[in-house]
C-alpha atoms as a PDB file:
ATOM      1  CA  MET A   1       0.000   0.000   0.000  1.00  0.00           C
ATOM      2  CA  SER A   2       1.241   3.462  -0.879  1.00  0.00           C
ATOM      3  CA  SER A   3       2.261   5.932   1.783  1.00  0.00           C
ATOM      4  CA  ILE A   4       0.478   8.645  -0.206  1.00  0.00           C
ATOM      5  CA  THR A   5      -3.236   9.405   0.063  1.00  0.00           C
ATOM      6  CA  ILE A   6      -5.196  11.801  -2.127  1.00  0.00           C
ATOM      7  CA  PHE A   7      -8.679  13.070  -1.316  1.00  0.00           C
ATOM      8  CA  HIS A   8      -9.784  13.216  -4.918  1.00  0.00           C
ATOM      9  CA  ASN A   9     -12.649  14.406  -7.073  1.00  0.00           C
ATOM     10  CA  PRO A  10     -12.300  12.884 -10.559  1.00  0.00           C
ATOM     11  CA  ALA A  11     -14.515  15.651 -11.998  1.00  0.00           C
ATOM     12  CA  CYS A  12     -11.941  18.299 -10.954  1.00  0.00           C
ATOM     13  CA  GLY A  13      -9.093  19.123 -13.341  1.00  0.00           C
ATOM     14  CA  THR A  14      -6.798  20.260 -10.522  1.00  0.00           C
ATOM     15  CA  SER A  15      -7.415  16.985  -8.715  1.00  0.00           C
ATOM     16  CA  ARG A  16      -6.752  14.960 -11.892  1.00  0.00           C
ATOM     17  CA  ASN A  17      -3.513  16.890 -12.545  1.00  0.00           C
ATOM     18  CA  THR A  18      -2.369  16.339  -8.949  1.00  0.00           C
ATOM     19  CA  LEU A  19      -3.059  12.610  -9.197  1.00  0.00           C
ATOM     20  CA  ALA A  20      -1.117  12.474 -12.470  1.00  0.00           C
ATOM     21  CA  LEU A  21       1.877  14.231 -10.851  1.00  0.00           C
ATOM     22  CA  ILE A  22       1.841  11.692  -8.015  1.00  0.00           C
ATOM     23  CA  ARG A  23       1.813   8.866 -10.557  1.00  0.00           C
ATOM     24  CA  ASN A  24       4.589  10.590 -12.549  1.00  0.00           C
ATOM     25  CA  SER A  25       6.777  10.137  -9.461  1.00  0.00           C
ATOM     26  CA  GLY A  26       6.245   6.383  -9.673  1.00  0.00           C
ATOM     27  CA  GLU A  27       3.715   6.184  -6.848  1.00  0.00           C
ATOM     28  CA  GLN A  28       0.239   4.705  -6.949  1.00  0.00           C
ATOM     29  CA  PRO A  29      -1.563   6.547  -4.145  1.00  0.00           C
ATOM     30  CA  ARG A  30      -4.495   5.492  -2.053  1.00  0.00           C
ATOM     31  CA  ILE A  31      -7.352   7.366  -3.709  1.00  0.00           C
ATOM     32  CA  ILE A  32     -10.286   8.476  -1.612  1.00  0.00           C
ATOM     33  CA  GLU A  33     -13.116   9.867  -3.691  1.00  0.00           C
ATOM     34  CA  TYR A  34     -14.335  12.071  -0.869  1.00  0.00           C
ATOM     35  CA  LEU A  35     -17.729  12.752  -2.479  1.00  0.00           C
ATOM     36  CA  LYS A  36     -18.467   9.008  -2.339  1.00  0.00           C
ATOM     37  CA  THR A  37     -16.619   8.337   0.938  1.00  0.00           C
ATOM     38  CA  PRO A  38     -16.514  11.593   2.914  1.00  0.00           C
ATOM     39  CA  PRO A  39     -13.977  11.869   5.715  1.00  0.00           C
ATOM     40  CA  ASP A  40     -15.464  12.052   9.197  1.00  0.00           C
ATOM     41  CA  SER A  41     -14.953  15.084  11.453  1.00  0.00           C
ATOM     42  CA  GLU A  42     -11.993  13.475  13.226  1.00  0.00           C
ATOM     43  CA  THR A  43     -10.222  12.797   9.922  1.00  0.00           C
ATOM     44  CA  LEU A  44     -10.944  16.333   8.744  1.00  0.00           C
ATOM     45  CA  ARG A  45      -9.566  17.773  11.990  1.00  0.00           C
ATOM     46  CA  GLY A  46      -6.409  15.694  11.522  1.00  0.00           C
ATOM     47  CA  LEU A  47      -5.965  16.811   7.911  1.00  0.00           C
ATOM     48  CA  ILE A  48      -6.456  20.454   8.829  1.00  0.00           C
ATOM     49  CA  ALA A  49      -3.967  20.184  11.690  1.00  0.00           C
ATOM     50  CA  ALA A  50      -1.435  18.409   9.462  1.00  0.00           C
ATOM     51  CA  MET A  51      -1.763  21.169   6.852  1.00  0.00           C
ATOM     52  CA  GLY A  52      -1.399  23.848   9.528  1.00  0.00           C
ATOM     53  CA  CYS A  53      -4.437  25.769   8.358  1.00  0.00           C
ATOM     54  CA  GLY A  54      -7.899  26.622   9.600  1.00  0.00           C
ATOM     55  CA  VAL A  55     -11.223  25.019   8.756  1.00  0.00           C
ATOM     56  CA  ARG A  56     -12.199  28.009   6.624  1.00  0.00           C
ATOM     57  CA  ASP A  57      -9.087  27.432   4.498  1.00  0.00           C
ATOM     58  CA  VAL A  58     -10.490  24.110   3.259  1.00  0.00           C
ATOM     59  CA  LEU A  59     -13.980  25.412   2.470  1.00  0.00           C
ATOM     60  CA  ARG A  60     -14.839  25.623  -1.193  1.00  0.00           C
ATOM     61  CA  GLN A  61     -17.282  28.296  -2.298  1.00  0.00           C
ATOM     62  CA  LYS A  62     -17.583  27.795  -6.069  1.00  0.00           C
ATOM     63  CA  GLY A  63     -20.101  25.140  -7.104  1.00  0.00           C
ATOM     64  CA  THR A  64     -21.187  24.430  -3.532  1.00  0.00           C
ATOM     65  CA  PRO A  65     -23.982  25.474  -1.127  1.00  0.00           C
ATOM     66  CA  PHE A  66     -21.483  27.822   0.652  1.00  0.00           C
ATOM     67  CA  ASP A  67     -23.411  31.033  -0.114  1.00  0.00           C
ATOM     68  CA  GLU A  68     -26.830  29.420   0.310  1.00  0.00           C
ATOM     69  CA  LEU A  69     -25.816  28.257   3.805  1.00  0.00           C
ATOM     70  CA  GLY A  70     -24.290  31.618   4.694  1.00  0.00           C
ATOM     71  CA  LEU A  71     -20.933  30.045   5.559  1.00  0.00           C
ATOM     72  CA  GLY A  72     -19.071  33.298   4.966  1.00  0.00           C
ATOM     73  CA  ALA A  73     -20.577  34.630   8.218  1.00  0.00           C
ATOM     74  CA  ALA A  74     -18.070  34.948  11.047  1.00  0.00           C
ATOM     75  CA  HIS A  75     -20.355  33.434  13.697  1.00  0.00           C
ATOM     76  CA  TRP A  76     -19.891  29.816  12.539  1.00  0.00           C
ATOM     77  CA  THR A  77     -17.512  27.859  14.771  1.00  0.00           C
ATOM     78  CA  ASP A  78     -14.959  25.418  13.406  1.00  0.00           C
ATOM     79  CA  GLU A  79     -17.055  22.530  14.730  1.00  0.00           C
ATOM     80  CA  GLN A  80     -20.146  23.838  12.971  1.00  0.00           C
ATOM     81  CA  LEU A  81     -18.189  24.253   9.734  1.00  0.00           C
ATOM     82  CA  LEU A  82     -16.891  20.686  10.049  1.00  0.00           C
ATOM     83  CA  ASP A  83     -20.495  19.529  10.477  1.00  0.00           C
ATOM     84  CA  PHE A  84     -21.455  21.373   7.283  1.00  0.00           C
ATOM     85  CA  ILE A  85     -18.607  19.686   5.393  1.00  0.00           C
ATOM     86  CA  GLY A  86     -19.823  16.354   6.746  1.00  0.00           C
ATOM     87  CA  GLN A  87     -23.343  17.067   5.493  1.00  0.00           C
ATOM     88  CA  HIS A  88     -22.123  18.524   2.168  1.00  0.00           C
ATOM     89  CA  PRO A  89     -18.743  16.972   1.245  1.00  0.00           C
ATOM     90  CA  ILE A  90     -18.607  19.163  -1.879  1.00  0.00           C
ATOM     91  CA  LEU A  91     -17.724  22.001   0.527  1.00  0.00           C
ATOM     92  CA  MET A  92     -14.282  20.451   1.070  1.00  0.00           C
ATOM     93  CA  ASN A  93     -11.721  21.992  -1.211  1.00  0.00           C
ATOM     94  CA  ARG A  94      -9.617  19.536  -3.149  1.00  0.00           C
ATOM     95  CA  PRO A  95      -7.356  17.809  -3.673  1.00  0.00           C
ATOM     96  CA  ILE A  96      -5.804  17.221  -0.291  1.00  0.00           C
ATOM     97  CA  VAL A  97      -2.715  15.019  -0.411  1.00  0.00           C
ATOM     98  CA  VAL A  98      -0.968  13.358   2.523  1.00  0.00           C
ATOM     99  CA  THR A  99       2.555  11.925   2.185  1.00  0.00           C
ATOM    100  CA  PRO A 100       5.336  11.071   4.647  1.00  0.00           C
ATOM    101  CA  LEU A 101       6.627  14.622   3.998  1.00  0.00           C
ATOM    102  CA  GLY A 102       3.408  16.418   4.934  1.00  0.00           C
ATOM    103  CA  ALA A 103      -0.130  17.275   3.945  1.00  0.00           C
ATOM    104  CA  ARG A 104      -1.247  20.000   1.545  1.00  0.00           C
ATOM    105  CA  LEU A 105      -4.256  21.383  -0.222  1.00  0.00           C
ATOM    106  CA  CYS A 106      -2.816  21.086  -3.724  1.00  0.00           C
ATOM    107  CA  ARG A 107      -4.159  24.172  -5.436  1.00  0.00           C
ATOM    108  CA  PRO A 108      -2.455  24.656  -7.819  1.00  0.00           C
ATOM    109  CA  SER A 109      -1.685  21.026  -8.533  1.00  0.00           C
ATOM    110  CA  GLU A 110       2.098  21.502  -8.591  1.00  0.00           C
ATOM    111  CA  VAL A 111       2.032  22.199  -4.828  1.00  0.00           C
ATOM    112  CA  VAL A 112       2.102  18.396  -4.506  1.00  0.00           C
ATOM    113  CA  LEU A 113       5.712  18.419  -5.752  1.00  0.00           C
ATOM    114  CA  ASP A 114       6.793  19.910  -2.406  1.00  0.00           C
ATOM    115  CA  ILE A 115       5.634  16.830  -0.490  1.00  0.00           C
ATOM    116  CA  LEU A 116       6.342  13.940  -2.864  1.00  0.00           C
ATOM    117  CA  PRO A 117       9.072  11.637  -1.532  1.00  0.00           C
ATOM    118  CA  GLN A 118      10.220  10.568  -5.011  1.00  0.00           C
ATOM    119  CA  PRO A 119      11.285  12.821  -7.909  1.00  0.00           C
ATOM    120  CA  GLN A 120       9.332  13.123 -11.126  1.00  0.00           C
ATOM    121  CA  ARG A 121      10.232  10.477 -13.692  1.00  0.00           C
ATOM    122  CA  GLY A 122       9.635  12.427 -16.869  1.00  0.00           C
ATOM    123  CA  ALA A 123       7.997  15.375 -18.541  1.00  0.00           C
ATOM    124  CA  PHE A 124       4.527  16.410 -17.423  1.00  0.00           C
ATOM    125  CA  ALA A 125       2.035  18.991 -18.647  1.00  0.00           C
ATOM    126  CA  LYS A 126      -1.318  19.812 -17.118  1.00  0.00           C
ATOM    127  CA  GLU A 127      -4.497  18.898 -18.975  1.00  0.00           C
ATOM    128  CA  ASP A 128      -4.587  22.433 -20.412  1.00  0.00           C
ATOM    129  CA  GLY A 129      -1.088  21.950 -21.854  1.00  0.00           C
ATOM    130  CA  GLU A 130       0.778  24.070 -19.284  1.00  0.00           C
ATOM    131  CA  PRO A 131       4.206  22.466 -18.771  1.00  0.00           C
ATOM    132  CA  VAL A 132       5.064  21.642 -15.154  1.00  0.00           C
ATOM    133  CA  ILE A 133       7.947  19.142 -15.433  1.00  0.00           C
ATOM    134  CA  ASN A 134      10.574  19.075 -18.184  1.00  0.00           C
ATOM    135  CA  GLU A 135      12.022  15.989 -19.902  1.00  0.00           C
ATOM    136  CA  LYS A 136      14.708  15.754 -17.185  1.00  0.00           C
ATOM    137  CA  GLY A 137      12.040  15.474 -14.459  1.00  0.00           C
ATOM    138  CA  GLN A 138      12.691  19.006 -13.199  1.00  0.00           C
ATOM    139  CA  ARG A 139      10.084  21.609 -12.280  1.00  0.00           C
ATOM    140  CA  VAL A 140       9.580  24.146 -15.068  1.00  0.00           C
ATOM    141  CA  LYS A 141       8.538  26.866 -12.634  1.00  0.00           C
ATOM    142  CA  ALA A 142       8.088  27.046  -8.898  1.00  0.00           C
ATOM    143  CA  ALA A 143       4.616  26.948  -7.369  1.00  0.00           C
ATOM    144  CA  PRO A 144       3.384  30.350  -6.126  1.00  0.00           C
END
C-alpha cells in the first residue's frame, strides 16, 4: 500500500492533474473519492492540523452550497463548519494530499511536488497543456 493518500474528485481538473503528478513520481496513491466516501470530522480535523491551516481554508465556495448556507458569516464555529462539510462533502476543497513529507491542499496542482518523496520520472504537462515538469524530471517553474 502506498504511503500517499489523495482526497480526490475525478470531476476536478486540478485533482486529476495532482493525481497524475503523483503517478509521474512512480507512486500509486491510495485514492479516496471524498464525495463518495466523505472523511469524518476526526479525519478532517487531523488533515487540517497536518496542513497547519484553519477550517475556513479548506472550504470551497464555487459550485457548492457555501453562499446558500451563509458560511461566509463569522459566527460559525470550526465545529459547525466541520459539520457542514460532513453534510455537504462538496464544501471540502480539493485535492488534499498526505505523504510522509506532509499534507497540503494542492491548489495549484504543482504544490504536490513539495511533499512527494520521489522525484518526477519524466515530462509532465497539465491537462490544459501548461508544462510543469521538463524531460529531465525538473520543475519548469516554482509553485506560487
